[in-house]
C-alpha atoms as a PDB file:
ATOM      1  CA  UNK A   1      73.483 226.426 167.000  1.00  0.00           C
ATOM      2  CA  UNK A   2      73.782 230.139 166.212  1.00  0.00           C
ATOM      3  CA  UNK A   3      74.697 231.850 169.503  1.00  0.00           C
ATOM      4  CA  UNK A   4      77.246 231.382 172.271  1.00  0.00           C
ATOM      5  CA  UNK A   5      76.302 232.980 175.591  1.00  0.00           C
ATOM      6  CA  UNK A   6      79.017 233.877 178.092  1.00  0.00           C
ATOM      7  CA  UNK A   7      77.267 232.607 181.236  1.00  0.00           C
ATOM      8  CA  UNK A   8      78.649 233.449 184.671  1.00  0.00           C
ATOM      9  CA  UNK A   9      75.545 232.302 186.534  1.00  0.00           C
ATOM     10  CA  UNK A  10      74.775 235.873 187.570  1.00  0.00           C
ATOM     11  CA  UNK A  11      71.679 237.980 186.989  1.00  0.00           C
ATOM     12  CA  UNK A  12      72.843 239.692 183.819  1.00  0.00           C
ATOM     13  CA  UNK A  13      74.090 236.715 181.821  1.00  0.00           C
ATOM     14  CA  UNK A  14      71.109 234.609 182.927  1.00  0.00           C
ATOM     15  CA  UNK A  15      68.718 237.307 181.696  1.00  0.00           C
ATOM     16  CA  UNK A  16      70.760 237.492 178.495  1.00  0.00           C
ATOM     17  CA  UNK A  17      70.237 233.766 177.954  1.00  0.00           C
ATOM     18  CA  UNK A  18      66.491 234.187 178.536  1.00  0.00           C
ATOM     19  CA  UNK A  19      66.378 236.963 175.913  1.00  0.00           C
ATOM     20  CA  UNK A  20      68.212 234.790 173.390  1.00  0.00           C
ATOM     21  CA  UNK A  21      65.839 231.893 174.020  1.00  0.00           C
ATOM     22  CA  UNK A  22      62.815 234.164 173.641  1.00  0.00           C
ATOM     23  CA  UNK A  23      64.207 235.250 170.267  1.00  0.00           C
ATOM     24  CA  UNK A  24      64.286 231.611 169.217  1.00  0.00           C
ATOM     25  CA  UNK A  25      68.064 231.295 169.188  1.00  0.00           C
ATOM     26  CA  UNK A  26      69.868 227.984 169.469  1.00  0.00           C
ATOM     27  CA  UNK A  27      72.440 228.496 172.212  1.00  0.00           C
ATOM     28  CA  UNK A  28      75.539 227.094 173.842  1.00  0.00           C
ATOM     29  CA  UNK A  29      76.490 228.534 177.242  1.00  0.00           C
ATOM     30  CA  UNK A  30      80.112 228.777 178.344  1.00  0.00           C
ATOM     31  CA  UNK A  31      81.543 229.581 181.772  1.00  0.00           C
ATOM     32  CA  UNK A  32      85.107 230.024 182.999  1.00  0.00           C
ATOM     33  CA  UNK A  33      87.198 228.776 185.882  1.00  0.00           C
ATOM     34  CA  UNK A  34      89.725 231.533 186.428  1.00  0.00           C
ATOM     35  CA  UNK A  35      90.536 231.495 190.121  1.00  0.00           C
ATOM     36  CA  UNK A  36      88.034 233.986 191.524  1.00  0.00           C
ATOM     37  CA  UNK A  37      86.883 233.643 195.123  1.00  0.00           C
ATOM     38  CA  UNK A  38      83.293 232.971 194.096  1.00  0.00           C
ATOM     39  CA  UNK A  39      84.128 230.866 191.024  1.00  0.00           C
ATOM     40  CA  UNK A  40      82.827 227.520 192.283  1.00  0.00           C
ATOM     41  CA  UNK A  41      79.506 229.058 193.291  1.00  0.00           C
ATOM     42  CA  UNK A  42      78.953 231.019 190.074  1.00  0.00           C
ATOM     43  CA  UNK A  43      79.887 228.045 187.895  1.00  0.00           C
ATOM     44  CA  UNK A  44      77.430 225.849 189.750  1.00  0.00           C
ATOM     45  CA  UNK A  45      74.781 228.535 189.212  1.00  0.00           C
ATOM     46  CA  UNK A  46      75.620 228.639 185.506  1.00  0.00           C
ATOM     47  CA  UNK A  47      75.291 224.862 185.309  1.00  0.00           C
ATOM     48  CA  UNK A  48      71.886 224.948 187.039  1.00  0.00           C
ATOM     49  CA  UNK A  49      70.633 227.808 184.857  1.00  0.00           C
ATOM     50  CA  UNK A  50      71.700 225.963 181.694  1.00  0.00           C
ATOM     51  CA  UNK A  51      70.030 222.819 182.984  1.00  0.00           C
ATOM     52  CA  UNK A  52      66.839 224.768 183.722  1.00  0.00           C
ATOM     53  CA  UNK A  53      66.702 226.043 180.138  1.00  0.00           C
ATOM     54  CA  UNK A  54      67.902 222.692 178.730  1.00  0.00           C
ATOM     55  CA  UNK A  55      70.909 224.376 177.099  1.00  0.00           C
ATOM     56  CA  UNK A  56      74.340 222.685 176.778  1.00  0.00           C
ATOM     57  CA  UNK A  57      76.965 224.173 179.104  1.00  0.00           C
ATOM     58  CA  UNK A  58      80.743 224.055 178.843  1.00  0.00           C
ATOM     59  CA  UNK A  59      83.297 225.088 181.437  1.00  0.00           C
ATOM     60  CA  UNK A  60      86.664 226.442 180.277  1.00  0.00           C
ATOM     61  CA  UNK A  61      89.563 226.339 182.741  1.00  0.00           C
ATOM     62  CA  UNK A  62      92.285 228.948 182.474  1.00  0.00           C
ATOM     63  CA  UNK A  63      92.967 229.306 186.197  1.00  0.00           C
ATOM     64  CA  UNK A  64      96.690 228.726 185.616  1.00  0.00           C
ATOM     65  CA  UNK A  65      96.830 231.918 183.541  1.00  0.00           C
ATOM     66  CA  UNK A  66      95.062 234.025 186.166  1.00  0.00           C
ATOM     67  CA  UNK A  67      97.793 233.266 188.720  1.00  0.00           C
ATOM     68  CA  UNK A  68      99.763 235.931 186.851  1.00  0.00           C
ATOM     69  CA  UNK A  69      97.035 238.558 187.436  1.00  0.00           C
ATOM     70  CA  UNK A  70      96.579 240.698 190.538  1.00  0.00           C
ATOM     71  CA  UNK A  71      93.072 241.353 191.868  1.00  0.00           C
ATOM     72  CA  UNK A  72      91.192 241.055 195.153  1.00  0.00           C
ATOM     73  CA  UNK A  73      88.514 239.140 193.249  1.00  0.00           C
ATOM     74  CA  UNK A  74      90.988 236.281 192.839  1.00  0.00           C
ATOM     75  CA  UNK A  75      91.744 233.710 195.511  1.00  0.00           C
ATOM     76  CA  UNK A  76      95.321 235.032 195.621  1.00  0.00           C
ATOM     77  CA  UNK A  77      94.127 238.584 196.390  1.00  0.00           C
ATOM     78  CA  UNK A  78      93.022 240.464 199.503  1.00  0.00           C
ATOM     79  CA  UNK A  79      89.573 240.809 201.053  1.00  0.00           C
ATOM     80  CA  UNK A  80      86.580 241.596 198.861  1.00  0.00           C
ATOM     81  CA  UNK A  81      85.657 245.249 199.507  1.00  0.00           C
ATOM     82  CA  UNK A  82      82.220 246.077 200.879  1.00  0.00           C
ATOM     83  CA  UNK A  83      79.983 249.038 200.127  1.00  0.00           C
ATOM     84  CA  UNK A  84      78.360 250.673 197.106  1.00  0.00           C
ATOM     85  CA  UNK A  85      79.118 249.107 193.745  1.00  0.00           C
ATOM     86  CA  UNK A  86      80.350 252.407 192.253  1.00  0.00           C
ATOM     87  CA  UNK A  87      82.670 253.210 195.184  1.00  0.00           C
ATOM     88  CA  UNK A  88      86.346 253.577 194.295  1.00  0.00           C
ATOM     89  CA  UNK A  89      87.357 250.580 196.433  1.00  0.00           C
ATOM     90  CA  UNK A  90      85.485 248.292 194.016  1.00  0.00           C
ATOM     91  CA  UNK A  91      88.366 248.849 191.587  1.00  0.00           C
ATOM     92  CA  UNK A  92      90.199 246.300 193.728  1.00  0.00           C
ATOM     93  CA  UNK A  93      87.981 243.631 192.113  1.00  0.00           C
ATOM     94  CA  UNK A  94      89.114 244.398 188.559  1.00  0.00           C
ATOM     95  CA  UNK A  95      90.820 241.361 187.001  1.00  0.00           C
ATOM     96  CA  UNK A  96      93.179 242.805 184.353  1.00  0.00           C
ATOM     97  CA  UNK A  97      92.042 241.938 180.846  1.00  0.00           C
ATOM     98  CA  UNK A  98      89.503 239.350 181.984  1.00  0.00           C
ATOM     99  CA  UNK A  99      86.760 240.157 179.488  1.00  0.00           C
ATOM    100  CA  UNK A 100      89.332 240.587 176.737  1.00  0.00           C
ATOM    101  CA  UNK A 101      90.549 237.034 177.415  1.00  0.00           C
ATOM    102  CA  UNK A 102      86.985 235.698 177.731  1.00  0.00           C
ATOM    103  CA  UNK A 103      85.900 237.294 174.448  1.00  0.00           C
ATOM    104  CA  UNK A 104      88.935 235.928 172.599  1.00  0.00           C
ATOM    105  CA  UNK A 105      88.349 232.378 173.831  1.00  0.00           C
ATOM    106  CA  UNK A 106      84.626 232.558 173.095  1.00  0.00           C
ATOM    107  CA  UNK A 107      85.279 233.898 169.589  1.00  0.00           C
ATOM    108  CA  UNK A 108      87.721 231.065 168.941  1.00  0.00           C
ATOM    109  CA  UNK A 109      85.179 228.478 170.062  1.00  0.00           C
ATOM    110  CA  UNK A 110      82.473 230.141 167.964  1.00  0.00           C
ATOM    111  CA  UNK A 111      84.712 230.038 164.896  1.00  0.00           C
ATOM    112  CA  UNK A 112      85.510 226.377 165.541  1.00  0.00           C
ATOM    113  CA  UNK A 113      81.843 225.473 166.018  1.00  0.00           C
ATOM    114  CA  UNK A 114      80.581 227.551 163.094  1.00  0.00           C
ATOM    115  CA  UNK A 115      78.623 229.880 165.385  1.00  0.00           C
ATOM    116  CA  UNK A 116      78.189 233.455 164.164  1.00  0.00           C
ATOM    117  CA  UNK A 117      77.495 235.412 167.358  1.00  0.00           C
ATOM    118  CA  UNK A 118      78.937 235.607 170.871  1.00  0.00           C
ATOM    119  CA  UNK A 119      76.722 237.402 173.390  1.00  0.00           C
ATOM    120  CA  UNK A 120      78.195 239.158 176.424  1.00  0.00           C
ATOM    121  CA  UNK A 121      76.230 240.408 179.446  1.00  0.00           C
ATOM    122  CA  UNK A 122      78.239 243.590 180.060  1.00  0.00           C
ATOM    123  CA  UNK A 123      76.115 246.595 181.050  1.00  0.00           C
ATOM    124  CA  UNK A 124      76.319 250.270 181.971  1.00  0.00           C
ATOM    125  CA  UNK A 125      76.424 249.597 185.716  1.00  0.00           C
ATOM    126  CA  UNK A 126      79.924 248.187 185.220  1.00  0.00           C
ATOM    127  CA  UNK A 127      81.240 251.097 183.134  1.00  0.00           C
ATOM    128  CA  UNK A 128      82.521 253.178 186.052  1.00  0.00           C
ATOM    129  CA  UNK A 129      84.745 250.475 187.549  1.00  0.00           C
ATOM    130  CA  UNK A 130      85.558 247.910 184.864  1.00  0.00           C
ATOM    131  CA  UNK A 131      87.322 249.232 181.730  1.00  0.00           C
ATOM    132  CA  UNK A 132      86.599 246.074 179.726  1.00  0.00           C
ATOM    133  CA  UNK A 133      82.855 246.530 180.213  1.00  0.00           C
ATOM    134  CA  UNK A 134      82.706 249.967 178.576  1.00  0.00           C
ATOM    135  CA  UNK A 135      81.294 250.811 175.163  1.00  0.00           C
ATOM    136  CA  UNK A 136      84.638 251.847 173.667  1.00  0.00           C
ATOM    137  CA  UNK A 137      86.217 248.536 174.717  1.00  0.00           C
ATOM    138  CA  UNK A 138      83.304 246.532 173.352  1.00  0.00           C
ATOM    139  CA  UNK A 139      83.308 248.334 170.005  1.00  0.00           C
ATOM    140  CA  UNK A 140      87.067 247.879 169.603  1.00  0.00           C
ATOM    141  CA  UNK A 141      86.964 244.233 170.697  1.00  0.00           C
ATOM    142  CA  UNK A 142      84.114 243.513 168.315  1.00  0.00           C
ATOM    143  CA  UNK A 143      86.103 244.942 165.404  1.00  0.00           C
ATOM    144  CA  UNK A 144      89.083 242.803 166.441  1.00  0.00           C
ATOM    145  CA  UNK A 145      86.906 239.662 166.626  1.00  0.00           C
ATOM    146  CA  UNK A 146      85.259 240.346 163.258  1.00  0.00           C
ATOM    147  CA  UNK A 147      88.589 240.830 161.508  1.00  0.00           C
ATOM    148  CA  UNK A 148      90.389 238.160 163.550  1.00  0.00           C
ATOM    149  CA  UNK A 149      87.856 235.530 162.479  1.00  0.00           C
ATOM    150  CA  UNK A 150      87.691 236.713 158.865  1.00  0.00           C
ATOM    151  CA  UNK A 151      84.147 237.975 159.524  1.00  0.00           C
ATOM    152  CA  UNK A 152      82.914 234.600 160.701  1.00  0.00           C
ATOM    153  CA  UNK A 153      82.097 235.789 164.255  1.00  0.00           C
ATOM    154  CA  UNK A 154      80.906 238.991 165.887  1.00  0.00           C
ATOM    155  CA  UNK A 155      80.188 240.067 169.450  1.00  0.00           C
ATOM    156  CA  UNK A 156      76.799 241.248 170.708  1.00  0.00           C
ATOM    157  CA  UNK A 157      76.110 243.080 173.970  1.00  0.00           C
ATOM    158  CA  UNK A 158      72.340 243.703 174.137  1.00  0.00           C
ATOM    159  CA  UNK A 159      72.575 245.206 177.648  1.00  0.00           C
ATOM    160  CA  UNK A 160      75.523 247.528 176.948  1.00  0.00           C
ATOM    161  CA  UNK A 161      73.573 250.731 177.657  1.00  0.00           C
ATOM    162  CA  UNK A 162      71.250 249.223 180.294  1.00  0.00           C
ATOM    163  CA  UNK A 163      71.789 249.053 184.055  1.00  0.00           C
ATOM    164  CA  UNK A 164      70.953 246.182 186.386  1.00  0.00           C
ATOM    165  CA  UNK A 165      67.628 247.781 187.305  1.00  0.00           C
ATOM    166  CA  UNK A 166      66.387 247.739 183.707  1.00  0.00           C
ATOM    167  CA  UNK A 167      67.918 244.300 183.084  1.00  0.00           C
ATOM    168  CA  UNK A 168      65.962 242.921 186.037  1.00  0.00           C
ATOM    169  CA  UNK A 169      62.774 244.560 184.762  1.00  0.00           C
ATOM    170  CA  UNK A 170      63.312 242.756 181.462  1.00  0.00           C
ATOM    171  CA  UNK A 171      64.007 239.509 183.279  1.00  0.00           C
ATOM    172  CA  UNK A 172      60.825 239.868 185.307  1.00  0.00           C
ATOM    173  CA  UNK A 173      58.842 239.871 182.058  1.00  0.00           C
ATOM    174  CA  UNK A 174      60.652 236.722 180.968  1.00  0.00           C
ATOM    175  CA  UNK A 175      60.201 234.974 184.348  1.00  0.00           C
ATOM    176  CA  UNK A 176      63.933 234.389 184.705  1.00  0.00           C
ATOM    177  CA  UNK A 177      64.811 231.870 187.476  1.00  0.00           C
ATOM    178  CA  UNK A 178      66.799 234.300 189.610  1.00  0.00           C
ATOM    179  CA  UNK A 179      66.685 231.880 192.543  1.00  0.00           C
ATOM    180  CA  UNK A 180      69.309 229.845 190.677  1.00  0.00           C
ATOM    181  CA  UNK A 181      71.704 232.755 190.112  1.00  0.00           C
ATOM    182  CA  UNK A 182      74.840 233.821 191.991  1.00  0.00           C
ATOM    183  CA  UNK A 183      76.039 237.424 192.313  1.00  0.00           C
ATOM    184  CA  UNK A 184      78.066 237.688 195.545  1.00  0.00           C
ATOM    185  CA  UNK A 185      81.859 238.018 195.132  1.00  0.00           C
ATOM    186  CA  UNK A 186      82.803 236.361 198.426  1.00  0.00           C
ATOM    187  CA  UNK A 187      84.060 232.798 198.932  1.00  0.00           C
ATOM    188  CA  UNK A 188      80.966 231.550 200.770  1.00  0.00           C
ATOM    189  CA  UNK A 189      77.873 229.630 199.804  1.00  0.00           C
ATOM    190  CA  UNK A 190      75.429 232.202 201.230  1.00  0.00           C
ATOM    191  CA  UNK A 191      75.573 235.671 199.651  1.00  0.00           C
ATOM    192  CA  UNK A 192      77.028 238.307 201.985  1.00  0.00           C
ATOM    193  CA  UNK A 193      74.681 241.164 201.049  1.00  0.00           C
ATOM    194  CA  UNK A 194      77.513 243.639 201.726  1.00  0.00           C
ATOM    195  CA  UNK A 195      79.905 243.547 198.764  1.00  0.00           C
ATOM    196  CA  UNK A 196      79.370 245.865 195.813  1.00  0.00           C
ATOM    197  CA  UNK A 197      77.942 243.089 193.644  1.00  0.00           C
ATOM    198  CA  UNK A 198      75.331 242.188 196.270  1.00  0.00           C
ATOM    199  CA  UNK A 199      74.499 245.845 196.882  1.00  0.00           C
ATOM    200  CA  UNK A 200      73.865 246.471 193.180  1.00  0.00           C
ATOM    201  CA  UNK A 201      71.673 243.386 192.935  1.00  0.00           C
ATOM    202  CA  UNK A 202      69.642 244.215 196.045  1.00  0.00           C
ATOM    203  CA  UNK A 203      69.130 247.778 194.816  1.00  0.00           C
ATOM    204  CA  UNK A 204      67.787 246.479 191.494  1.00  0.00           C
ATOM    205  CA  UNK A 205      65.297 244.190 193.221  1.00  0.00           C
ATOM    206  CA  UNK A 206      64.210 246.937 195.606  1.00  0.00           C
ATOM    207  CA  UNK A 207      63.609 249.493 192.842  1.00  0.00           C
ATOM    208  CA  UNK A 208      61.696 246.927 190.796  1.00  0.00           C
ATOM    209  CA  UNK A 209      59.483 246.169 193.806  1.00  0.00           C
ATOM    210  CA  UNK A 210      60.633 242.539 193.889  1.00  0.00           C
ATOM    211  CA  UNK A 211      61.929 240.252 196.619  1.00  0.00           C
ATOM    212  CA  UNK A 212      65.312 238.732 195.882  1.00  0.00           C
ATOM    213  CA  UNK A 213      64.805 234.952 196.056  1.00  0.00           C
ATOM    214  CA  UNK A 214      68.393 234.103 197.076  1.00  0.00           C
ATOM    215  CA  UNK A 215      69.537 233.791 200.685  1.00  0.00           C
ATOM    216  CA  UNK A 216      71.705 236.471 202.327  1.00  0.00           C
ATOM    217  CA  UNK A 217      73.687 236.632 205.555  1.00  0.00           C
ATOM    218  CA  UNK A 218      71.699 239.702 206.479  1.00  0.00           C
END
């Protein structure tokens, strides 16, 4: 095994896994239970995606830690905002330090398992709202991981300068099973089609001339 993939069960991380597999990498996928409203649905999607690709999947639970964080994305927070994914109200879905925590845990597991690379699905569409998805964060976090593991592990973010539209175009070439993925932020089994995450996904499918295979409320 040479690569750990942070797999949320969404479009981006699923495409990331497909890219790694195409490159001939031996992968382990890891998801997190951290108390988000959509957590049970995205983790089930991650499990199904890993099963589809015949890749081992692990689920890490740190939901007790997230009770100390404030965000509308969490079960303890307010309603998930609706509208465009770059609208200012989407900042309500920021979970403080989430990707910093994820990356640290993943790097620790990689070190333990003797795995050299941790791949993250962060992309440019998240830069406006989420500070721990931006290039400066990634570069700094990668330096911290490299030095913190005595150069045993590094982070990779192949989609860092891509948006969801171009990620989907790449996934189309790889025949990614998007019908298994979960993007919606709301606590419901059927995607709402109205939150920022759904809006960004639907826009990507529309621009790529593709039909989204998941079910929506509207």
